Protein backbone atom coordinates (compact mmCIF):
# COMPACT_ATOMS: atom_id res chain seq x y z
CA MET A 1 67.81 129.22 -87.06
CA PHE A 2 64.63 131.04 -86.63
CA THR A 3 61.95 131.76 -89.16
CA ASN A 4 58.80 133.92 -89.43
CA ILE A 5 56.16 133.45 -91.71
CA GLU A 6 53.36 136.41 -91.94
CA LEU A 7 50.76 137.29 -94.31
CA VAL A 8 51.16 140.77 -95.56
CA GLN A 9 48.60 143.00 -97.62
CA LYS A 10 49.68 145.42 -100.05
CA ASP A 11 47.77 147.38 -102.82
CA ASP A 12 44.88 144.64 -102.44
CA LYS A 13 47.48 141.86 -102.99
CA ASN A 14 48.32 139.15 -100.45
CA THR A 15 51.70 138.35 -100.02
CA ILE A 16 53.64 135.82 -97.72
CA LYS A 17 56.74 137.26 -96.19
CA LEU A 18 59.40 134.86 -95.06
CA THR A 19 62.17 135.96 -92.77
CA VAL A 20 64.98 133.65 -91.81
CA ASP A 21 67.55 134.82 -89.11
CA GLN A 22 71.23 134.17 -89.44
CA GLY A 23 72.13 130.84 -88.06
CA SER A 24 74.94 130.22 -85.54
CA LYS A 25 76.86 127.60 -87.17
CA LYS A 26 78.03 128.92 -90.34
CA PRO A 27 78.51 128.03 -93.28
CA TYR A 28 75.47 126.36 -94.17
CA TYR A 29 75.95 124.26 -97.57
CA LEU A 30 74.31 122.18 -100.02
CA SER A 31 74.77 118.70 -98.80
CA ASP A 32 75.74 117.21 -102.23
CA LYS A 33 78.11 119.91 -102.82
CA GLY A 34 79.85 120.09 -99.59
CA LEU A 35 82.10 122.91 -97.90
CA ARG A 36 83.38 124.19 -101.13
CA PRO A 37 82.45 127.28 -103.28
CA SER A 38 80.26 125.30 -105.27
CA GLY A 39 78.11 124.48 -102.18
CA VAL A 40 78.34 127.50 -100.02
CA TYR A 41 76.60 130.74 -101.08
CA VAL A 42 76.56 134.18 -99.48
CA ARG A 43 73.93 136.80 -99.90
CA CYS A 44 74.66 140.08 -101.38
CA GLY A 45 71.89 142.12 -101.77
CA THR A 46 69.16 140.39 -103.65
CA THR A 47 71.50 137.79 -105.24
CA ALA A 48 73.51 134.91 -103.81
CA ALA A 49 76.84 134.12 -105.02
CA PRO A 50 79.44 131.32 -104.37
CA ALA A 51 81.64 131.94 -101.37
CA SER A 52 85.18 131.92 -101.69
CA GLU A 53 87.42 129.28 -100.01
CA ASP A 54 88.71 132.13 -97.89
CA ALA A 55 85.35 133.25 -96.82
CA ILE A 56 84.28 129.69 -95.97
CA ARG A 57 87.34 129.27 -93.73
CA MET A 58 86.55 132.46 -92.19
CA MET A 59 82.86 131.32 -91.30
CA ILE A 60 84.20 128.20 -89.86
CA LYS A 61 86.67 130.08 -87.79
CA MET A 62 84.24 132.66 -86.41
CA THR A 63 81.72 129.94 -85.67
CA ASP A 64 84.16 127.14 -84.16
CA GLY A 65 87.04 129.47 -82.77
CA ASP A 66 90.86 128.64 -83.00
CA LYS A 67 91.04 125.49 -80.96
CA PHE A 68 91.79 122.43 -83.17
CA GLU A 69 89.67 120.03 -81.14
CA ASN A 70 86.44 122.29 -81.52
CA ASN A 71 86.93 122.65 -85.39
CA ARG A 72 84.71 120.80 -87.81
CA SER A 73 86.24 118.47 -90.07
CA LEU A 74 86.42 119.19 -93.80
CA ILE A 75 87.48 115.60 -94.61
CA THR A 76 85.89 114.47 -98.09
CA THR A 77 83.91 111.16 -98.76
CA HIS A 78 86.64 110.27 -101.07
CA ALA A 79 89.15 110.42 -97.92
CA VAL A 80 86.73 108.63 -95.82
CA ASN A 81 86.43 105.93 -98.24
CA THR A 82 90.10 105.69 -98.78
CA LEU A 83 90.57 105.34 -95.18
CA LYS A 84 88.23 102.58 -94.79
CA GLU A 85 89.84 100.69 -97.66
CA MET A 86 93.25 101.14 -96.13
CA LEU A 87 91.92 99.93 -92.68
CA SER A 88 90.17 96.83 -94.42
CA LYS A 89 93.76 96.04 -96.20
CA ASP A 90 95.51 96.35 -92.91
CA MET A 91 97.50 99.00 -94.22
CA ILE A 92 96.99 101.43 -91.24
CA LYS A 93 95.79 100.92 -87.59
CA LYS A 94 93.40 102.60 -85.61
CA VAL A 95 94.62 104.15 -82.10
CA GLY A 96 92.18 105.69 -79.54
CA SER A 97 88.70 106.44 -79.84
CA GLY A 98 86.12 109.40 -80.14
CA ARG A 99 87.94 112.63 -80.64
CA LEU A 100 91.31 111.00 -79.89
CA THR A 101 91.07 108.75 -82.52
CA ARG A 102 94.34 108.60 -84.80
CA TYR A 103 95.27 106.31 -87.59
CA VAL A 104 98.92 105.08 -88.02
CA VAL A 105 100.87 103.53 -90.95
CA LYS A 106 101.90 100.01 -90.15
CA SER A 107 105.60 99.85 -89.59
CA PHE A 108 106.31 97.25 -92.37
CA LEU A 109 104.95 99.91 -94.85
CA LEU A 110 107.21 102.67 -93.56
CA LYS A 111 110.24 100.34 -94.04
CA LEU A 112 109.06 99.89 -97.79
CA TRP A 113 109.07 103.60 -98.23
CA LEU A 114 112.44 104.53 -96.64
């Protein structure tokens, strides 16, 4: 993302003009709100409005493309914490590493569910 700051003088008044170019990894969002309408805003004229879920998905698709392996994760903090808890209770096992990491439910739990 590129920015430009310049001093503009108009009608004997000094003004700072800040120009921010579009970024290449849309959407940008408020970190405490996440990738949801309450955290992603789109510019519409002189105002900013919350982006719809469909608009957020479209921005991600346009940035990341269609390949699953390249897509950003929308996993929430709650899901991450649940995953960590399940790992600590030995309910699931981790298989692989890096982008190939998968989590598998232990077989004794599958027998309980069936």
